[in-house]
């Protein structure tokens, strides 16, 4: 049975009259990787700073390994929380080589143990050939791996990563995010990441908290956030999709312009009521023989796939992700059919 290594219990934080965190709560088990995902200004970095001890909370409680590190009467300083941190700019010491950067937090160890720990982490992050290089001689990806090794070498209870890929190009981000997940999982390390990039969150995290205005709207797996968003805000923020008008037939069926969807309609929406139904690009597939037609009004080539924006007879627009060998031009009509195997529906705003 997993035990919660990190617990945030209704934490609040404010600057003067501005509330930054509003009753923020989450649990992260040992060995899990969590992520706070949200737009700029939603409070995710402040939450990380409160966990690390760089800021004190206004109310609530933070526990690490069952021990309170901050509440209304307790404040444990950062250096005593057994937390490792990787900053956005890596914060490497320019006058120290790779080995000395990694060994910076190990000065209390006997010389032999310190040397062994440094060698171990140099090897784990695959920097054996760069061990004597200085930060300015390293690539962005190598610098990030040094920062990661330096944070993990003192064996912290928890690792915090603050927008760790923001200075890297897109291809390198993707490669390193998978590498870092594998490394953390192999070492059994509990970590929490802060990012505004969904692809990073999806690639690394076991659990993701989607944040708006200092609150976590949904703390869940990437799959559930995409396929079962709890509200419109999460549905709009995660992935791509559109809302189509629908009418509830019964608790398992909703009728939309494209046909009848089967699933579990919201229990508080009686038969005959109007709802807005979330349609993802993978819910609509291209099929030449289908009598249901739609007009291509935009196309975005993505290599293996093309994302088509389609206009239905009513004028409503939907998205469809299609293998790129089905290459059609803007203005063409193509056959489509529903491929949704569940329903995500919300009450209309008005």
Protein backbone atom coordinates (compact mmCIF):
# COMPACT_ATOMS: atom_id res chain seq x y z
CA UNK A 1 0.00 0.00 0.00
CA UNK A 2 1.39 3.40 -1.05
CA UNK A 3 1.89 6.11 1.55
CA UNK A 4 1.51 9.79 0.84
CA UNK A 5 4.95 11.38 0.79
CA UNK A 6 3.64 14.87 0.09
CA UNK A 7 0.34 16.26 1.39
CA UNK A 8 -0.99 19.75 0.87
CA UNK A 9 -4.06 20.37 3.04
CA UNK A 10 -6.09 23.44 2.08
CA UNK A 11 -3.06 25.68 1.81
CA UNK A 12 -3.55 29.39 1.19
CA UNK A 13 -1.06 32.06 0.27
CA UNK A 14 -1.51 35.73 -0.52
CA UNK A 15 0.56 38.78 -1.33
CA UNK A 16 -1.05 41.77 0.38
CA UNK A 17 -4.70 41.59 -0.69
CA UNK A 18 -4.05 39.28 -3.66
CA UNK A 19 -4.91 35.62 -3.01
CA UNK A 20 -2.42 33.42 -4.92
CA UNK A 21 -3.28 29.97 -3.53
CA UNK A 22 -6.85 29.23 -2.46
CA UNK A 23 -7.39 26.07 -0.37
CA UNK A 24 -4.99 24.05 -2.52
CA UNK A 25 -4.96 20.33 -1.67
CA UNK A 26 -3.21 17.28 -3.12
CA UNK A 27 -1.51 14.01 -2.18
CA UNK A 28 1.51 12.45 -3.87
CA UNK A 29 2.54 8.89 -3.00
CA UNK A 30 6.10 7.64 -2.62
CA UNK A 31 7.66 6.97 -6.00
CA UNK A 32 5.02 8.96 -7.89
CA UNK A 33 5.68 11.88 -10.20
CA UNK A 34 3.16 14.70 -9.92
CA UNK A 35 2.71 17.85 -11.95
CA UNK A 36 1.07 21.23 -11.43
CA UNK A 37 -0.10 22.34 -14.87
CA UNK A 38 -1.71 25.65 -15.68
CA UNK A 39 -1.43 29.02 -17.40
CA UNK A 40 0.97 31.74 -16.27
CA UNK A 41 -0.17 33.40 -13.05
CA UNK A 42 -2.30 30.48 -11.81
CA UNK A 43 -0.14 29.99 -8.69
CA UNK A 44 1.75 26.82 -9.61
CA UNK A 45 5.25 28.23 -8.99
CA UNK A 46 4.10 29.78 -5.70
CA UNK A 47 2.83 26.32 -4.65
CA UNK A 48 6.28 24.88 -5.42
CA UNK A 49 7.98 27.64 -3.42
CA UNK A 50 5.70 26.91 -0.46
CA UNK A 51 6.50 23.18 -0.62
CA UNK A 52 10.23 23.93 -0.75
CA UNK A 53 10.04 26.40 2.14
CA UNK A 54 11.09 29.48 0.17
CA UNK A 55 7.72 30.93 1.15
CA UNK A 56 5.48 30.36 4.16
CA UNK A 57 1.78 29.60 3.75
CA UNK A 58 -0.95 31.82 5.19
CA UNK A 59 -3.06 28.88 6.37
CA UNK A 60 -3.44 25.13 5.87
CA UNK A 61 -0.76 22.47 6.30
CA UNK A 62 2.11 20.93 4.32
CA UNK A 63 3.34 17.46 5.30
CA UNK A 64 6.35 15.59 3.94
CA UNK A 65 6.54 11.92 4.85
CA UNK A 66 3.84 12.47 7.45
CA UNK A 67 5.75 15.26 9.21
CA UNK A 68 4.38 18.80 9.22
CA UNK A 69 6.82 21.27 7.67
CA UNK A 70 4.49 24.27 7.62
CA UNK A 71 1.21 25.27 9.26
CA UNK A 72 0.02 28.18 11.41
CA UNK A 73 2.59 27.40 14.13
CA UNK A 74 5.30 25.30 12.45
CA UNK A 75 7.81 26.39 9.81
CA UNK A 76 10.69 24.10 8.89
CA UNK A 77 13.33 25.98 6.82
CA UNK A 78 14.17 24.76 3.29
CA UNK A 79 17.52 23.19 4.19
CA UNK A 80 15.84 20.89 6.72
CA UNK A 81 13.01 19.63 4.49
CA UNK A 82 15.11 17.07 2.58
CA UNK A 83 14.02 18.49 -0.75
CA UNK A 84 16.01 18.68 -3.99
CA UNK A 85 15.24 21.42 -6.49
CA UNK A 86 15.94 21.92 -10.19
CA UNK A 87 15.44 25.56 -11.17
CA UNK A 88 14.27 26.97 -14.48
CA UNK A 89 17.74 28.33 -15.32
CA UNK A 90 19.55 25.30 -13.72
CA UNK A 91 21.60 27.70 -11.48
CA UNK A 92 24.87 25.84 -12.09
CA UNK A 93 28.06 27.33 -10.67
CA UNK A 94 30.03 28.62 -13.68
CA UNK A 95 33.42 28.26 -11.96
CA UNK A 96 32.86 24.58 -11.05
CA UNK A 97 33.14 21.63 -13.44
CA UNK A 98 30.48 18.91 -13.74
CA UNK A 99 31.84 16.78 -10.88
CA UNK A 100 32.13 19.72 -8.47
CA UNK A 101 28.66 21.00 -9.38
CA UNK A 102 27.18 17.55 -8.69
CA UNK A 103 29.15 17.22 -5.46
CA UNK A 104 28.26 20.68 -4.16
CA UNK A 105 25.64 19.41 -1.66
CA UNK A 106 27.81 16.51 -0.48
CA UNK A 107 30.50 18.45 1.40
CA UNK A 108 29.56 16.79 4.70
CA UNK A 109 30.36 13.31 3.44
CA UNK A 110 33.80 11.76 3.95
CA UNK A 111 36.01 12.30 0.88
CA UNK A 112 35.78 8.69 -0.40
CA UNK A 113 31.98 8.56 -0.04
CA UNK A 114 31.63 11.92 -1.74
CA UNK A 115 33.82 10.77 -4.65
CA UNK A 116 31.78 7.54 -5.03
CA UNK A 117 28.45 9.43 -4.96
CA UNK A 118 29.67 11.92 -7.60
CA UNK A 119 30.91 9.13 -9.88
CA UNK A 120 27.61 7.27 -9.46
CA UNK A 121 25.53 10.28 -10.50
CA UNK A 122 27.86 11.31 -13.33
CA UNK A 123 27.31 7.80 -14.70
CA UNK A 124 23.53 7.75 -14.07
CA UNK A 125 23.03 10.97 -16.05
CA UNK A 126 25.47 9.76 -18.75
CA UNK A 127 28.02 12.55 -18.45
CA UNK A 128 31.17 10.41 -17.99
CA UNK A 129 32.82 12.02 -21.03
CA UNK A 130 31.96 15.53 -19.82
CA UNK A 131 32.86 15.14 -16.14
CA UNK A 132 35.62 17.78 -16.24
CA UNK A 133 33.81 20.28 -18.43
CA UNK A 134 32.44 23.59 -17.17
CA UNK A 135 28.80 24.70 -17.64
CA UNK A 136 29.59 27.00 -20.60
CA UNK A 137 31.10 24.00 -22.43
CA UNK A 138 27.91 21.93 -22.11
CA UNK A 139 24.76 21.78 -24.21
CA UNK A 140 21.42 22.78 -22.70
CA UNK A 141 20.47 19.13 -22.24
CA UNK A 142 23.76 18.33 -20.51
CA UNK A 143 23.38 21.34 -18.20
CA UNK A 144 19.94 20.13 -17.24
CA UNK A 145 21.26 16.66 -16.42
CA UNK A 146 23.98 18.19 -14.21
CA UNK A 147 21.32 20.20 -12.35
CA UNK A 148 19.24 17.05 -11.92
CA UNK A 149 22.19 15.01 -10.62
CA UNK A 150 23.18 17.82 -8.22
CA UNK A 151 19.62 17.91 -6.81
CA UNK A 152 19.43 14.11 -6.42
CA UNK A 153 22.94 13.37 -5.11
CA UNK A 154 22.08 14.28 -1.45
CA UNK A 155 19.20 11.73 -1.62
CA UNK A 156 16.26 14.06 -0.95
CA UNK A 157 12.84 12.80 0.08
CA UNK A 158 11.25 14.85 -2.69
CA UNK A 159 12.44 16.45 -5.93
CA UNK A 160 10.90 19.70 -7.20
CA UNK A 161 11.29 20.78 -10.83
CA UNK A 162 10.37 24.36 -11.78
CA UNK A 163 9.72 24.64 -15.55
CA UNK A 164 12.87 22.55 -16.18
CA UNK A 165 12.56 22.42 -19.98
CA UNK A 166 11.61 26.02 -20.76
CA UNK A 167 15.08 26.94 -22.10
CA UNK A 168 15.32 23.95 -24.45
CA UNK A 169 14.10 23.46 -28.01
CA UNK A 170 10.99 21.35 -28.63
CA UNK A 171 12.76 18.19 -29.83
CA UNK A 172 15.18 18.19 -26.91
CA UNK A 173 12.32 18.75 -24.46
CA UNK A 174 10.57 15.63 -25.69
CA UNK A 175 13.70 13.47 -25.47
CA UNK A 176 14.73 14.74 -22.04
CA UNK A 177 11.26 14.53 -20.53
CA UNK A 178 11.16 10.80 -21.32
CA UNK A 179 14.73 10.34 -20.08
CA UNK A 180 13.98 12.10 -16.82
CA UNK A 181 10.82 10.08 -16.20
CA UNK A 182 12.79 6.86 -16.74
CA UNK A 183 15.57 8.03 -14.42
CA UNK A 184 13.19 9.06 -11.63
CA UNK A 185 11.23 5.82 -11.91
CA UNK A 186 14.38 3.67 -11.94
CA UNK A 187 15.65 5.43 -8.82
CA UNK A 188 12.24 5.32 -7.07
CA UNK A 189 12.25 9.11 -6.61
CA UNK A 190 9.15 11.10 -5.71
CA UNK A 191 8.94 14.32 -7.69
CA UNK A 192 6.64 17.20 -8.52
CA UNK A 193 6.97 19.27 -11.67
CA UNK A 194 5.60 22.71 -12.51
CA UNK A 195 4.90 23.52 -16.17
CA UNK A 196 2.49 25.25 -18.53
CA UNK A 197 3.29 22.69 -21.28
CA UNK A 198 0.83 19.81 -21.55
CA UNK A 199 3.16 17.58 -23.55
CA UNK A 200 5.78 17.77 -20.76
CA UNK A 201 3.17 17.02 -18.11
CA UNK A 202 1.77 14.07 -20.10
CA UNK A 203 5.26 12.66 -20.81
CA UNK A 204 6.54 12.77 -17.23
CA UNK A 205 3.77 12.74 -14.64
CA UNK A 206 1.66 9.97 -13.09
CA UNK A 207 -0.78 12.54 -11.68
CA UNK A 208 -1.45 16.04 -12.96
CA UNK A 209 -3.21 18.89 -11.20
CA UNK A 210 -4.78 21.39 -13.60
CA UNK A 211 -4.65 24.77 -11.86
CA UNK A 212 -6.59 28.00 -12.35
CA UNK A 213 -6.66 30.99 -9.98
CA UNK A 214 -4.81 29.24 -7.16
CA UNK A 215 -6.99 26.11 -7.14
CA UNK A 216 -6.58 22.62 -8.53
CA UNK A 217 -9.66 21.95 -10.65
CA UNK A 218 -8.78 18.29 -11.27
CA UNK A 219 -5.99 16.05 -9.90
CA UNK A 220 -5.91 13.02 -12.18
CA UNK A 221 -4.09 10.95 -14.79
CA UNK A 222 -3.38 12.43 -18.22
CA UNK A 223 -5.88 9.98 -19.76
CA UNK A 224 -8.71 11.09 -17.47
CA UNK A 225 -7.94 14.77 -17.90
CA UNK A 226 -8.19 14.35 -21.67
CA UNK A 227 -11.12 11.95 -21.87
CA UNK A 228 -13.02 12.76 -18.66
CA UNK A 229 -12.46 16.44 -17.81
CA UNK A 230 -14.40 17.46 -14.72
CA UNK A 231 -15.58 20.82 -16.09
CA UNK A 232 -15.44 23.15 -19.09
CA UNK A 233 -12.31 24.90 -17.87
CA UNK A 234 -10.30 21.67 -17.81
CA UNK A 235 -11.84 20.52 -21.12
CA UNK A 236 -10.84 23.82 -22.79
CA UNK A 237 -7.30 23.76 -21.39
CA UNK A 238 -6.39 20.12 -22.04
CA UNK A 239 -5.87 19.00 -25.62
CA UNK A 240 -8.00 20.27 -28.47
CA UNK A 241 -11.71 19.94 -28.94
CA UNK A 242 -14.97 21.69 -29.66
CA UNK A 243 -18.37 21.73 -28.00
CA UNK A 244 -21.40 20.67 -30.04
CA UNK A 245 -25.01 21.16 -28.98
CA UNK A 246 -26.80 17.96 -27.99
CA UNK A 247 -30.05 16.71 -26.53
CA UNK A 248 -30.26 14.11 -23.77
CA UNK A 249 -32.25 11.05 -24.86
CA UNK A 250 -31.70 9.08 -21.64
CA UNK A 251 -28.93 8.52 -19.08
CA UNK A 252 -26.87 6.58 -21.64
CA UNK A 253 -27.54 8.48 -24.88
CA UNK A 254 -27.18 11.99 -26.27
CA UNK A 255 -28.16 13.03 -29.77
CA UNK A 256 -25.90 15.45 -31.66
CA UNK A 257 -25.82 16.57 -35.28
CA UNK A 258 -23.50 13.69 -36.21
CA UNK A 259 -25.65 10.98 -34.64
CA UNK A 260 -26.27 9.36 -31.27
CA UNK A 261 -23.53 9.09 -28.68
CA UNK A 262 -23.61 6.26 -26.15
CA UNK A 263 -22.23 6.60 -22.66
CA UNK A 264 -23.20 8.01 -19.30
CA UNK A 265 -24.89 11.39 -19.53
CA UNK A 266 -24.78 13.68 -16.48
CA UNK A 267 -27.26 12.43 -13.90
CA UNK A 268 -28.63 15.92 -13.30
CA UNK A 269 -29.59 16.36 -16.98
CA UNK A 270 -33.07 14.89 -17.54
CA UNK A 271 -34.27 13.51 -20.88
CA UNK A 272 -34.98 16.27 -23.39
CA UNK A 273 -32.56 18.77 -21.85
CA UNK A 274 -29.92 20.56 -23.89
CA UNK A 275 -26.21 19.95 -23.24
CA UNK A 276 -22.87 20.89 -24.78
CA UNK A 277 -20.91 17.81 -25.83
CA UNK A 278 -17.10 17.77 -26.00
CA UNK A 279 -15.76 16.32 -29.26
CA UNK A 280 -12.04 15.58 -29.52
CA UNK A 281 -10.19 15.24 -32.86
CA UNK A 282 -9.97 11.46 -32.33
CA UNK A 283 -13.76 11.20 -31.84
CA UNK A 284 -14.36 11.87 -35.55
CA UNK A 285 -12.73 9.68 -38.19
CA UNK A 286 -12.43 10.11 -41.95
CA UNK A 287 -14.24 7.44 -43.99
CA UNK A 288 -14.68 7.88 -47.74
CA UNK A 289 -17.83 5.73 -47.93
CA UNK A 290 -19.69 7.52 -45.13
CA UNK A 291 -22.85 9.40 -46.17
CA UNK A 292 -22.10 12.01 -43.48
CA UNK A 293 -20.09 14.77 -45.19
CA UNK A 294 -18.12 17.75 -43.93
CA UNK A 295 -16.18 20.54 -45.66
CA UNK A 296 -12.50 21.11 -44.92
CA UNK A 297 -11.98 24.74 -43.90
CA UNK A 298 -8.46 24.41 -42.43
CA UNK A 299 -5.69 21.82 -42.38
CA UNK A 300 -2.53 21.49 -40.30
CA UNK A 301 0.08 18.99 -41.49
CA UNK A 302 1.75 17.18 -38.57
CA UNK A 303 3.88 14.59 -40.31
CA UNK A 304 2.14 11.28 -39.69
CA UNK A 305 -1.22 13.02 -39.31
CA UNK A 306 -3.21 15.97 -40.57
CA UNK A 307 -5.51 17.92 -38.26
CA UNK A 308 -8.54 18.99 -40.27
CA UNK A 309 -10.99 21.67 -39.17
CA UNK A 310 -14.32 20.65 -40.68
CA UNK A 311 -17.58 22.51 -41.15
CA UNK A 312 -20.80 20.52 -40.78
CA UNK A 313 -24.05 21.21 -42.65
CA UNK A 314 -25.34 23.32 -39.76
CA UNK A 315 -22.25 25.53 -39.86
CA UNK A 316 -20.80 24.01 -36.66
CA UNK A 317 -17.09 23.20 -36.70
CA UNK A 318 -15.33 20.03 -35.53
CA UNK A 319 -11.76 18.73 -35.58
CA UNK A 320 -10.55 15.43 -37.01
CA UNK A 321 -7.08 13.88 -36.81
CA UNK A 322 -6.48 11.84 -39.96
CA UNK A 323 -3.48 9.76 -41.19
CA UNK A 324 -1.55 12.04 -43.54
CA UNK A 325 -1.85 9.78 -46.59
CA UNK A 326 -5.48 11.02 -46.67
CA UNK A 327 -4.34 14.38 -48.03
CA UNK A 328 -7.32 16.54 -49.00
CA UNK A 329 -7.47 20.20 -49.92
CA UNK A 330 -9.25 23.06 -48.15
CA UNK A 331 -12.75 23.34 -49.64
CA UNK A 332 -13.11 19.61 -50.31
CA UNK A 333 -15.91 17.57 -48.78
CA UNK A 334 -14.93 14.34 -47.05
CA UNK A 335 -16.85 11.49 -45.44
CA UNK A 336 -16.76 11.30 -41.64
CA UNK A 337 -18.23 9.16 -38.89
CA UNK A 338 -18.42 9.18 -35.11
CA UNK A 339 -15.86 7.08 -33.26
CA UNK A 340 -16.50 8.36 -29.71
CA UNK A 341 -16.89 5.58 -27.14
CA UNK A 342 -17.98 7.76 -24.23
CA UNK A 343 -19.72 11.05 -23.53
CA UNK A 344 -18.36 14.22 -21.99
CA UNK A 345 -21.20 16.72 -21.66
CA UNK A 346 -21.80 19.94 -19.76
CA UNK A 347 -24.87 22.04 -19.06
CA UNK A 348 -25.04 25.04 -21.40
CA UNK A 349 -23.57 28.27 -20.04
CA UNK A 350 -26.78 30.22 -20.57
